[in-house]
Amino acid sequence: MAGLFADDDARKQVKQLEARIVKLEQALASTEQEKEQYIRSTLDLQMQMEALNTELRKLRGQNEELIHSLQDAEKRQKDFYVDLDSRLRRFEGNEPAASRPDSGKGVVADPAGENRTFEAAYSLYKAEKYQNAAAAFRDFLQSYPQSVHEANVLYWTGNSFFLLKECKSSIGSYQTLIEKHPDHPRVQEAMLNVAECQLSLKSKSAAQKTLKQLISQFPGSDASEKAKKRLAAIK
């Protein structure tokens, strides 16, 4: 009997071991499946990332092409404008000298050169060489007093001095722009900067007057809203 019970216990232990082995085998199989699934997911993710990188490179290339096309379009527009201005100047130059109100002020004989000179000065501004840019813009206006670029040159000159914190010179350029070209789209920004310069020069009443003038002349504009906030902040 003792031997029989011993055999039964042994069989029970064997069955328990077999059950544990089955469970371990099932767990191992499940782990292998999870591992394979993880590997597949990782590979899929890598493929997606490569596809996204390819698409990103493609978009960057398209963006560069668009920028290049835009630059070409801008250049063509400027060349067309210069050519048109040149034709108008030649037409005006055919009028009798006595009938031309601007006779004696100088007619630009090389509009393409004028355009190149303007671009050279503006390149200095874009390169953040503001002192050199201001000098180049000043020389430009002396060389081309009747230039079609005058309004833009006055604005960028004012900006150059503004960034150099030379407020008096900045105000002078901006004020000339405001007086000679009141309809220019940069006038609103110029007036905001004039007010800032006036505040820097401790001319609070002058700054308040400039801001009120901006609000009155350009109601509903973004610059007008900025002027209202700046006016409210002045104490």
Protein backbone atom coordinates (compact mmCIF):
# COMPACT_ATOMS: atom_id res chain seq x y z
CA MET A 1 0.00 0.00 0.00
CA ALA A 2 2.80 2.38 0.90
CA GLY A 3 4.35 1.75 -2.52
CA LEU A 4 1.01 2.40 -4.21
CA PHE A 5 0.58 5.77 -2.48
CA ALA A 6 4.14 6.66 -3.36
CA ASP A 7 3.40 5.93 -7.04
CA ASP A 8 0.24 8.06 -6.92
CA ASP A 9 2.15 11.01 -5.43
CA ALA A 10 4.82 10.63 -8.04
CA ARG A 11 2.24 10.61 -10.85
CA LYS A 12 0.58 13.73 -9.38
CA GLN A 13 3.92 15.51 -9.26
CA VAL A 14 4.66 14.45 -12.82
CA LYS A 15 1.27 15.77 -13.97
CA GLN A 16 1.89 19.04 -12.13
CA LEU A 17 5.30 19.34 -13.75
CA GLU A 18 3.81 18.59 -17.15
CA ALA A 19 1.13 21.27 -16.57
CA ARG A 20 3.80 23.78 -15.59
CA ILE A 21 5.83 22.86 -18.66
CA VAL A 22 2.76 23.39 -20.87
CA LYS A 23 2.13 26.79 -19.30
CA LEU A 24 5.77 27.76 -19.75
CA GLU A 25 5.69 26.62 -23.35
CA GLN A 26 2.50 28.64 -23.93
CA ALA A 27 4.05 31.69 -22.25
CA LEU A 28 7.19 31.28 -24.37
CA ALA A 29 5.11 30.97 -27.53
CA SER A 30 3.16 34.09 -26.56
CA THR A 31 6.42 35.94 -25.89
CA GLU A 32 7.77 34.89 -29.27
CA GLN A 33 4.59 36.16 -30.94
CA GLU A 34 4.86 39.45 -29.08
CA LYS A 35 8.51 39.69 -30.07
CA GLU A 36 7.66 39.09 -33.72
CA GLN A 37 4.84 41.62 -33.51
CA TYR A 38 7.21 44.17 -31.95
CA ILE A 39 9.77 43.55 -34.68
CA ARG A 40 7.11 43.97 -37.38
CA SER A 41 5.81 47.14 -35.72
CA THR A 42 9.35 48.51 -35.47
CA LEU A 43 10.01 47.76 -39.12
CA ASP A 44 6.70 49.36 -40.10
CA LEU A 45 7.58 52.44 -38.06
CA GLN A 46 10.99 52.67 -39.69
CA MET A 47 9.43 52.41 -43.12
CA GLN A 48 6.94 55.15 -42.21
CA MET A 49 9.76 57.36 -40.94
CA GLU A 50 11.72 56.82 -44.14
CA ALA A 51 8.63 57.65 -46.17
CA LEU A 52 8.09 60.80 -44.11
CA ASN A 53 11.73 61.81 -44.52
CA THR A 54 11.44 61.29 -48.26
CA GLU A 55 8.28 63.40 -48.36
CA LEU A 56 9.97 66.07 -46.22
CA ARG A 57 12.94 66.23 -48.58
CA LYS A 58 10.53 66.49 -51.48
CA LEU A 59 8.62 69.32 -49.81
CA ARG A 60 11.86 71.14 -49.03
CA GLY A 61 12.88 70.85 -52.64
CA GLN A 62 9.52 72.20 -53.76
CA ASN A 63 9.81 75.02 -51.24
CA GLU A 64 13.24 75.96 -52.58
CA GLU A 65 11.86 75.91 -56.11
CA LEU A 66 8.97 78.16 -55.04
CA ILE A 67 11.35 80.59 -53.36
CA HIS A 68 13.53 80.64 -56.47
CA SER A 69 10.48 81.18 -58.68
CA LEU A 70 9.28 83.98 -56.42
CA GLN A 71 12.67 85.66 -56.54
CA ASP A 72 12.68 85.38 -60.33
CA ALA A 73 9.17 86.84 -60.47
CA GLU A 74 10.20 89.73 -58.22
CA LYS A 75 13.25 90.38 -60.37
CA ARG A 76 11.15 90.33 -63.54
CA GLN A 77 8.67 92.72 -61.93
CA LYS A 78 11.45 95.09 -60.91
CA ASP A 79 13.03 94.91 -64.36
CA PHE A 80 9.66 95.61 -65.94
CA TYR A 81 9.10 98.54 -63.60
CA VAL A 82 12.55 99.93 -64.35
CA ASP A 83 12.01 99.51 -68.07
CA LEU A 84 8.62 101.23 -67.86
CA ASP A 85 10.07 104.06 -65.81
CA SER A 86 12.91 104.40 -68.31
CA ARG A 87 10.45 104.70 -71.18
CA LEU A 88 8.43 107.30 -69.32
CA ARG A 89 11.56 109.28 -68.55
CA ARG A 90 12.65 109.14 -72.20
CA PHE A 91 9.18 110.29 -73.21
CA GLU A 92 9.37 113.17 -70.76
CA GLY A 93 12.86 113.91 -72.00
CA ASN A 94 11.50 114.52 -75.48
CA GLU A 95 9.41 117.46 -74.24
CA PRO A 96 10.79 120.97 -74.67
CA ALA A 97 12.97 121.95 -71.74
CA ALA A 98 10.89 125.04 -70.99
CA SER A 99 7.70 122.98 -70.67
CA ARG A 100 9.15 120.48 -68.19
CA PRO A 101 8.62 121.50 -64.56
CA ASP A 102 11.51 119.27 -63.43
CA SER A 103 13.93 120.47 -66.08
CA GLY A 104 17.42 120.83 -64.70
CA LYS A 105 16.91 118.34 -61.84
CA GLY A 106 18.50 115.55 -63.78
CA VAL A 107 17.00 112.66 -65.72
CA VAL A 108 18.22 109.20 -64.89
CA ALA A 109 20.11 107.92 -67.91
CA ASP A 110 20.66 104.45 -66.46
CA PRO A 111 17.54 103.14 -64.68
CA ALA A 112 19.06 99.65 -64.49
CA GLY A 113 22.06 101.11 -62.66
CA GLU A 114 19.71 102.95 -60.35
CA ASN A 115 17.96 99.69 -59.54
CA ARG A 116 21.25 97.91 -58.90
CA THR A 117 22.36 100.69 -56.56
CA PHE A 118 19.13 100.41 -54.61
CA GLU A 119 19.47 96.63 -54.35
CA ALA A 120 23.06 96.99 -53.12
CA ALA A 121 21.98 99.37 -50.35
CA TYR A 122 19.07 97.15 -49.40
CA SER A 123 21.39 94.12 -49.26
CA LEU A 124 23.41 95.92 -46.59
CA TYR A 125 20.22 96.44 -44.60
CA LYS A 126 19.25 92.77 -44.89
CA ALA A 127 22.76 91.82 -43.74
CA GLU A 128 22.10 93.94 -40.61
CA LYS A 129 24.89 96.37 -41.52
CA TYR A 130 22.65 99.27 -40.59
CA GLN A 131 25.30 102.00 -40.43
CA ASN A 132 26.55 101.12 -43.91
CA ALA A 133 23.00 100.75 -45.17
CA ALA A 134 22.01 104.20 -43.91
CA ALA A 135 25.01 105.74 -45.64
CA ALA A 136 24.28 103.83 -48.86
CA PHE A 137 20.63 104.92 -48.84
CA ARG A 138 21.66 108.54 -48.25
CA ASP A 139 24.11 108.38 -51.17
CA PHE A 140 21.41 106.81 -53.31
CA LEU A 141 19.01 109.71 -52.74
CA GLN A 142 21.76 112.18 -53.57
CA SER A 143 22.54 110.35 -56.80
CA TYR A 144 18.90 109.74 -57.76
CA PRO A 145 16.76 112.54 -56.27
CA GLN A 146 13.86 111.70 -58.59
CA SER A 147 14.01 107.95 -58.03
CA VAL A 148 10.90 105.82 -58.04
CA HIS A 149 12.45 104.07 -55.02
CA GLU A 150 12.50 107.23 -52.94
CA ALA A 151 9.67 106.24 -50.57
CA ASN A 152 11.16 102.82 -49.86
CA VAL A 153 14.63 104.31 -49.42
CA LEU A 154 13.31 106.82 -46.89
CA TYR A 155 11.58 104.05 -44.97
CA TRP A 156 14.61 101.74 -44.87
CA THR A 157 16.86 104.66 -43.96
CA GLY A 158 14.55 105.46 -41.04
CA ASN A 159 14.58 101.80 -40.04
CA SER A 160 18.39 101.66 -40.17
CA PHE A 161 18.71 104.63 -37.84
CA PHE A 162 15.91 103.27 -35.66
CA LEU A 163 17.76 99.98 -35.15
CA LEU A 164 20.95 101.94 -34.47
CA LYS A 165 18.99 103.91 -31.83
CA GLU A 166 19.85 107.15 -33.62
CA CYS A 167 16.39 108.55 -33.00
CA LYS A 168 16.78 112.06 -34.38
CA SER A 169 18.06 110.82 -37.74
CA SER A 170 15.40 108.11 -37.77
CA ILE A 171 12.60 110.64 -37.16
CA GLY A 172 13.97 112.85 -39.94
CA SER A 173 13.81 110.08 -42.54
CA TYR A 174 10.40 108.87 -41.39
CA GLN A 175 8.95 112.39 -41.36
CA THR A 176 10.16 113.01 -44.91
CA LEU A 177 8.45 109.79 -45.99
CA ILE A 178 5.21 110.77 -44.20
CA GLU A 179 5.19 114.26 -45.73
CA LYS A 180 6.20 113.36 -49.30
CA HIS A 181 4.43 109.99 -49.60
CA PRO A 182 1.43 110.01 -47.22
CA ASP A 183 -0.26 107.14 -49.08
CA HIS A 184 2.71 104.78 -48.95
CA PRO A 185 1.86 101.47 -47.18
CA ARG A 186 4.87 101.86 -44.85
CA VAL A 187 3.69 105.20 -43.44
CA GLN A 188 1.75 103.56 -40.60
CA GLU A 189 4.78 101.60 -39.40
CA ALA A 190 6.91 104.71 -39.78
CA MET A 191 4.55 106.68 -37.52
CA LEU A 192 4.67 103.98 -34.85
CA ASN A 193 8.46 104.10 -34.90
CA VAL A 194 8.44 107.89 -34.82
CA ALA A 195 6.37 107.73 -31.64
CA GLU A 196 8.81 105.25 -30.10
CA CYS A 197 11.73 107.52 -30.98
CA GLN A 198 9.94 110.50 -29.47
CA LEU A 199 9.40 108.56 -26.26
CA SER A 200 13.09 107.63 -26.21
CA LEU A 201 13.91 111.33 -26.55
CA LYS A 202 11.60 112.07 -23.57
CA SER A 203 9.12 113.90 -25.83
CA LYS A 204 6.00 112.29 -24.42
CA SER A 205 3.58 114.94 -25.70
CA ALA A 206 5.03 114.65 -29.23
CA ALA A 207 4.67 110.86 -29.10
CA GLN A 208 1.05 111.15 -27.95
CA LYS A 209 0.36 113.56 -30.81
CA THR A 210 1.90 111.18 -33.36
CA LEU A 211 -0.08 108.22 -32.06
CA LYS A 212 -3.35 110.18 -32.10
CA GLN A 213 -2.61 111.29 -35.66
CA LEU A 214 -2.01 107.67 -36.68
CA ILE A 215 -5.30 106.56 -35.09
CA SER A 216 -7.15 109.37 -36.85
CA GLN A 217 -5.61 108.82 -40.30
CA PHE A 218 -5.77 105.02 -40.34
CA PRO A 219 -8.81 103.96 -38.30
CA GLY A 220 -9.39 100.24 -37.99
CA SER A 221 -5.88 99.27 -39.11
CA ASP A 222 -3.52 97.01 -37.18
CA ALA A 223 -1.19 99.95 -36.69
CA SER A 224 -4.07 101.99 -35.29
CA GLU A 225 -4.83 99.27 -32.73
CA LYS A 226 -1.17 99.16 -31.74
CA ALA A 227 -1.18 102.93 -31.43
CA LYS A 228 -4.20 102.81 -29.11
CA LYS A 229 -2.49 100.27 -26.84
CA ARG A 230 0.75 102.26 -26.84
CA LEU A 231 -1.11 105.49 -26.12
CA ALA A 232 -2.90 103.88 -23.19
CA ALA A 233 0.43 102.65 -21.79
CA ILE A 234 2.02 106.10 -21.80
CA LYS A 235 1.93 107.64 -18.34
